[in-house]
Protein backbone atom coordinates (compact mmCIF):
# COMPACT_ATOMS: atom_id res chain seq x y z
CA MET A 1 11.11 12.54 -2.41
CA ILE A 2 9.29 10.26 -4.82
CA ASP A 3 5.84 11.11 -6.14
CA PRO A 4 3.42 8.67 -4.45
CA LEU A 5 1.71 8.12 -7.80
CA SER A 6 4.95 6.69 -9.17
CA LEU A 7 4.35 3.64 -6.96
CA ALA A 8 1.54 2.65 -9.30
CA ALA A 9 3.95 2.36 -12.21
CA HIS A 10 5.55 -0.76 -10.78
CA GLY A 11 2.57 -3.06 -11.08
CA PRO A 12 -1.17 -3.34 -10.57
CA VAL A 13 -1.08 -4.60 -6.97
CA ILE A 14 0.71 -3.38 -3.85
CA PRO A 15 0.91 -6.20 -1.29
CA VAL A 16 -0.40 -5.33 2.17
CA ILE A 17 1.98 -7.26 4.41
CA VAL A 18 1.71 -8.31 8.05
CA LEU A 19 4.87 -9.84 9.50
CA GLN A 20 5.20 -11.52 12.89
CA ARG A 21 8.87 -12.57 12.64
CA VAL A 22 11.85 -10.50 11.55
CA ALA A 23 13.42 -13.62 10.04
CA ASP A 24 10.62 -13.75 7.45
CA ALA A 25 11.09 -10.19 6.20
CA VAL A 26 13.97 -10.56 3.76
CA PRO A 27 12.95 -13.91 2.21
CA LEU A 28 9.41 -12.60 1.77
CA ALA A 29 10.65 -9.45 0.05
CA GLU A 30 12.92 -11.51 -2.20
CA ALA A 31 10.04 -13.85 -3.08
CA LEU A 32 7.80 -10.94 -4.04
CA LEU A 33 10.58 -9.32 -6.04
CA ALA A 34 11.20 -12.60 -7.87
CA GLY A 35 7.54 -12.51 -8.88
CA GLY A 36 7.85 -8.99 -10.25
CA VAL A 37 6.40 -7.10 -7.26
CA LYS A 38 8.71 -4.26 -6.28
CA VAL A 39 6.55 -2.01 -4.05
CA LEU A 40 5.95 -3.49 -0.59
CA GLU A 41 3.70 -2.08 2.13
CA VAL A 42 4.66 -3.52 5.52
CA THR A 43 1.91 -2.61 7.95
CA LEU A 44 2.65 -1.46 11.48
CA ARG A 45 0.36 -4.16 12.85
CA SER A 46 2.95 -6.15 14.76
CA ASP A 47 5.68 -5.42 17.29
CA VAL A 48 8.39 -6.32 14.78
CA ALA A 49 7.10 -4.36 11.79
CA LEU A 50 9.69 -1.57 12.01
CA GLN A 51 12.51 -4.10 12.36
CA CYS A 52 11.16 -5.91 9.29
CA ILE A 53 11.12 -2.66 7.29
CA GLU A 54 14.69 -1.94 8.33
CA ALA A 55 15.82 -5.44 7.37
CA ILE A 56 14.22 -5.22 3.93
CA ALA A 57 15.55 -1.70 3.30
CA LYS A 58 19.10 -2.85 4.03
CA ALA A 59 19.10 -6.31 2.44
CA VAL A 60 16.79 -5.81 -0.56
CA PRO A 61 17.55 -2.32 -1.88
CA GLU A 62 15.84 -3.10 -5.21
CA ALA A 63 12.52 -3.14 -3.40
CA LEU A 64 10.57 0.00 -2.51
CA VAL A 65 9.51 -0.73 1.05
CA GLY A 66 7.03 1.48 2.82
CA ALA A 67 5.11 1.46 6.07
CA GLY A 68 1.36 0.98 6.30
CA THR A 69 -1.02 1.73 9.17
CA ILE A 70 0.57 5.13 9.82
CA ARG A 71 -1.74 6.76 12.37
CA SER A 72 0.36 9.52 13.95
CA ALA A 73 3.36 11.78 13.50
CA ALA A 74 5.32 9.42 15.75
CA ASP A 75 4.48 6.50 13.43
CA ALA A 76 5.69 8.51 10.45
CA ARG A 77 8.99 9.38 12.14
CA ALA A 78 9.59 5.77 13.18
CA ALA A 79 8.81 4.56 9.68
CA ARG A 80 11.19 7.04 8.08
CA ASP A 81 13.94 6.17 10.57
CA ALA A 82 13.49 2.46 9.80
CA GLY A 83 14.12 3.09 6.11
CA SER A 84 10.62 3.45 4.66
CA THR A 85 10.48 5.13 1.26
CA PHE A 86 6.77 5.89 1.55
CA ALA A 87 3.91 5.81 4.05
CA VAL A 88 0.31 4.61 3.86
CA SER A 89 -2.37 5.62 6.36
CA PRO A 90 -5.77 3.97 6.94
CA GLY A 91 -7.39 7.41 7.23
CA TYR A 92 -6.18 10.98 7.03
CA THR A 93 -5.46 13.72 9.56
CA PRO A 94 -3.67 17.03 8.95
CA GLU A 95 -1.18 15.98 11.64
CA VAL A 96 -0.11 12.91 9.67
CA GLY A 97 0.01 14.87 6.43
CA ARG A 98 2.12 17.62 7.98
CA ALA A 99 4.51 15.14 9.60
CA CYS A 100 5.10 13.28 6.36
CA ARG A 101 5.74 16.54 4.48
CA GLU A 102 8.25 17.67 7.10
CA LEU A 103 9.98 14.27 7.00
CA GLY A 104 10.06 14.14 3.21
CA LEU A 105 8.08 10.90 3.38
CA PRO A 106 5.61 10.43 0.49
CA LEU A 107 2.15 9.67 1.84
CA LEU A 108 -0.72 7.66 0.39
CA PRO A 109 -3.55 8.75 2.70
CA GLY A 110 -6.66 6.70 3.32
CA VAL A 111 -10.18 7.99 2.68
CA ALA A 112 -13.66 6.45 2.68
CA THR A 113 -16.03 9.40 2.14
CA ALA A 114 -16.37 12.47 -0.06
CA SER A 115 -15.56 14.75 2.90
CA GLU A 116 -12.35 12.84 3.57
CA VAL A 117 -11.39 13.06 -0.11
CA MET A 118 -11.88 16.83 0.05
CA GLY A 119 -9.84 17.10 3.24
CA ALA A 120 -6.89 15.13 1.90
CA HIS A 121 -7.02 16.88 -1.46
CA GLY A 122 -7.13 20.26 0.26
CA ASP A 123 -3.80 19.37 1.85
CA GLY A 124 -2.27 18.60 -1.52
CA HIS A 125 -2.93 14.88 -1.97
CA SER A 126 -4.40 13.75 -5.30
CA PHE A 127 -3.53 10.02 -5.10
CA LEU A 128 -5.56 8.46 -2.30
CA LYS A 129 -6.08 5.05 -0.75
CA PHE A 130 -9.78 4.11 -0.74
CA PHE A 131 -10.19 2.04 2.43
CA PRO A 132 -11.82 -0.25 3.34
CA ALA A 133 -12.71 -0.52 -0.32
CA GLN A 134 -15.18 -3.38 -0.38
CA GLN A 135 -16.95 -2.34 2.82
CA ALA A 136 -17.05 1.38 1.90
CA GLY A 137 -18.93 0.94 -1.36
CA GLY A 138 -16.51 -0.82 -3.68
CA VAL A 139 -16.58 -0.24 -7.42
CA GLY A 140 -19.85 1.69 -7.22
CA MET A 141 -18.43 4.24 -4.79
CA LEU A 142 -15.33 4.81 -6.92
CA LYS A 143 -17.52 5.34 -9.99
CA ALA A 144 -19.50 7.89 -7.99
CA PHE A 145 -16.30 9.67 -6.87
CA ALA A 146 -15.24 10.10 -10.52
CA GLY A 147 -17.91 12.76 -11.11
CA PRO A 148 -17.06 15.36 -8.45
CA PHE A 149 -13.38 14.39 -8.23
CA PRO A 150 -12.13 14.00 -11.83
CA ASP A 151 -8.61 15.09 -10.82
CA ILE A 152 -8.16 12.46 -8.09
CA VAL A 153 -7.02 8.85 -8.50
CA PHE A 154 -7.23 5.97 -6.06
CA CYS A 155 -5.62 2.84 -4.70
CA PRO A 156 -8.53 0.76 -3.36
CA THR A 157 -7.51 -1.55 -0.51
CA GLY A 158 -9.51 -3.77 1.81
CA GLY A 159 -11.46 -6.90 0.96
CA ILE A 160 -10.13 -7.08 -2.60
CA THR A 161 -9.41 -10.53 -4.06
CA PRO A 162 -7.76 -11.77 -7.28
CA GLU A 163 -11.29 -12.25 -8.61
CA THR A 164 -12.51 -8.70 -7.85
CA ALA A 165 -9.25 -6.82 -8.49
CA PRO A 166 -9.80 -6.59 -12.29
CA GLN A 167 -13.14 -4.84 -11.69
CA PHE A 168 -11.38 -2.15 -9.67
CA LEU A 169 -8.40 -1.88 -12.03
CA ALA A 170 -10.75 -1.34 -14.98
CA LEU A 171 -11.91 1.98 -13.51
CA PRO A 172 -10.28 5.08 -15.03
CA ASN A 173 -9.68 6.61 -11.57
CA VAL A 174 -7.94 3.52 -10.17
CA LYS A 175 -4.20 3.27 -10.78
CA VAL A 176 -3.32 0.30 -8.57
CA CYS A 177 -4.95 -1.71 -5.79
CA GLY A 178 -3.74 -3.05 -2.47
CA GLY A 179 -4.10 -6.69 -1.57
CA SER A 180 -3.23 -8.97 1.31
CA TRP A 181 -3.76 -12.12 -0.76
CA LEU A 182 -0.19 -11.98 -2.12
CA THR A 183 1.23 -12.86 1.30
CA PRO A 184 -1.13 -15.37 2.97
CA ALA A 185 -0.37 -15.87 6.65
CA ASP A 186 -0.02 -19.64 6.25
CA ALA A 187 2.47 -19.28 3.40
CA VAL A 188 4.59 -16.87 5.43
CA GLU A 189 4.34 -19.08 8.51
CA GLN A 190 5.50 -22.12 6.54
CA GLY A 191 8.17 -20.26 4.57
CA ASP A 192 6.48 -21.20 1.30
CA TRP A 193 8.27 -18.51 -0.68
CA ALA A 194 7.65 -20.28 -4.01
CA ARG A 195 3.90 -19.89 -3.48
CA ILE A 196 4.31 -16.19 -2.75
CA THR A 197 6.40 -15.73 -5.90
CA ARG A 198 3.65 -17.47 -7.89
CA LEU A 199 0.97 -15.24 -6.38
CA ALA A 200 3.09 -12.18 -7.17
CA ARG A 201 3.42 -13.27 -10.82
CA GLU A 202 -0.32 -13.87 -11.05
CA ALA A 203 -0.97 -10.41 -9.60
CA GLY A 204 1.25 -8.89 -12.28
CA ALA A 205 -1.00 -10.42 -14.93
CA LEU A 206 -3.96 -8.39 -13.60
CA ARG A 207 -2.62 -5.25 -15.25
CA ARG A 208 -5.15 -3.70 -17.59
């Protein structure tokens, strides 16, 4: 089982992906990979998400594809069975944490408050998703977390743009951020894979 923190080593931005058609999954993954983005979070926000994860896992083995929007043990099992190499949850419950441990599925759990940070950390998680980042206090909240939680690092996700990402990435307790701007719905709908590759390359340049 990979260390969830190792995901941050592959680039400064993890794309948060919503797919509506299985046919788009592989070309999208290839476009992101061509732009230097290797870690892909496919959210379970559509009926075809698990099929998309399975397609990417089989056809694009160079990519590290994981499942986002994991909300239950059943979600975690389905994600693992589809070929996910990691899981991301919008919040955290002991049930989800326990299921992922039992499945050998690395988990990046979501938190938005100090109590949630303590709960996730108490279950052994020290790399956490701060979500929804912009709405939950943004850069200021992460600076505040650094005092009582010096041993915890974050992946802020939610409302982050190419313009604000550098402000988050400049924080010592931020290792990577999540962003949906790498895969705009209109670009996916139109099959504009060149645009997605360009956005992926631009995201790579945000590294500190």
